[in-house]
Amino acid sequence: MRIDVHFVAGGVMPPGAAILASVQSDPLWRIVRFMDRNSDNFTAEMVAKAIGAYAGGHGSTERGMHVAGEVAAPII
């Protein structure tokens, strides 16, 4: 059987829907520690995109950097 999927999106599953699969990520602190120790730019960009998506809006590097700047502005 072939299933064509054009996009993956988060959301709330309908009542009674069966869970087909799940993925458990490492905690953010562990991902950031790996990223910093290995100077991993790919992971840094993925974290930035996730921050942008989590804060509402697009999961883009630009949005993630904007959110990070808003959070850090009172500290700097």
Protein backbone atom coordinates (compact mmCIF):
# COMPACT_ATOMS: atom_id res chain seq x y z
CA MET A 1 0.00 0.00 0.00
CA ARG A 2 1.29 3.45 -0.86
CA ILE A 3 0.23 6.56 0.99
CA ASP A 4 1.10 9.93 -0.51
CA VAL A 5 1.80 12.57 2.11
CA HIS A 6 2.43 16.12 0.94
CA PHE A 7 3.05 17.65 4.35
CA VAL A 8 3.31 16.81 8.02
CA ALA A 9 1.53 19.01 10.52
CA GLY A 10 0.90 19.02 14.22
CA GLY A 11 -2.52 19.22 15.74
CA VAL A 12 -5.12 17.39 17.76
CA MET A 13 -6.15 13.98 16.58
CA PRO A 14 -9.85 13.25 16.19
CA PRO A 15 -11.60 11.35 18.99
CA GLY A 16 -11.22 7.61 18.56
CA ALA A 17 -8.26 7.87 16.19
CA ALA A 18 -5.56 5.24 16.58
CA ILE A 19 -1.95 6.25 17.26
CA LEU A 20 0.12 4.81 14.43
CA ALA A 21 3.55 5.96 15.65
CA SER A 22 5.20 8.35 18.05
CA VAL A 23 8.64 9.89 18.37
CA GLN A 24 10.28 10.98 21.60
CA SER A 25 12.97 13.63 21.28
CA ASP A 26 15.86 14.18 23.64
CA PRO A 27 15.27 17.03 26.10
CA LEU A 28 16.22 20.46 24.76
CA TRP A 29 19.12 20.83 27.22
CA ARG A 30 20.73 17.68 25.83
CA ILE A 31 20.28 18.82 22.21
CA VAL A 32 21.79 22.25 22.99
CA ARG A 33 24.70 20.65 24.88
CA PHE A 34 25.45 18.45 21.87
CA MET A 35 25.12 21.44 19.55
CA ASP A 36 27.54 23.57 21.57
CA ARG A 37 30.14 20.87 22.17
CA ASN A 38 30.26 19.89 18.52
CA SER A 39 29.76 23.35 16.99
CA ASP A 40 26.87 21.84 15.02
CA ASN A 41 25.34 24.51 12.79
CA PHE A 42 22.70 22.17 11.38
CA THR A 43 21.34 21.43 14.86
CA ALA A 44 21.46 25.15 15.72
CA GLU A 45 19.35 25.96 12.67
CA MET A 46 16.83 23.21 13.48
CA VAL A 47 16.52 24.52 17.06
CA ALA A 48 15.96 28.05 15.71
CA LYS A 49 13.24 26.79 13.36
CA ALA A 50 11.58 24.85 16.18
CA ILE A 51 11.59 27.96 18.38
CA GLY A 52 9.97 29.95 15.57
CA ALA A 53 7.28 27.33 15.09
CA TYR A 54 6.65 26.86 18.82
CA ALA A 55 6.24 30.60 19.39
CA GLY A 56 3.58 30.73 16.72
CA GLY A 57 4.19 31.54 13.13
CA HIS A 58 6.50 29.92 10.66
CA GLY A 59 9.15 27.40 11.58
CA SER A 60 11.84 29.41 9.86
CA THR A 61 15.33 30.41 10.92
CA GLU A 62 14.34 34.06 10.58
CA ARG A 63 11.32 33.65 12.88
CA GLY A 64 13.37 31.67 15.42
CA MET A 65 16.05 34.36 15.55
CA HIS A 66 13.38 37.05 15.95
CA VAL A 67 11.84 35.19 18.92
CA ALA A 68 15.28 34.59 20.47
CA GLY A 69 16.05 38.30 20.11
CA GLU A 70 12.77 39.23 21.82
CA VAL A 71 13.54 36.88 24.71
CA ALA A 72 17.15 38.05 25.09
CA ALA A 73 16.46 41.81 24.68
CA PRO A 74 15.62 42.46 28.37
CA ILE A 75 18.80 40.64 29.43
CA ILE A 76 21.21 42.42 27.11
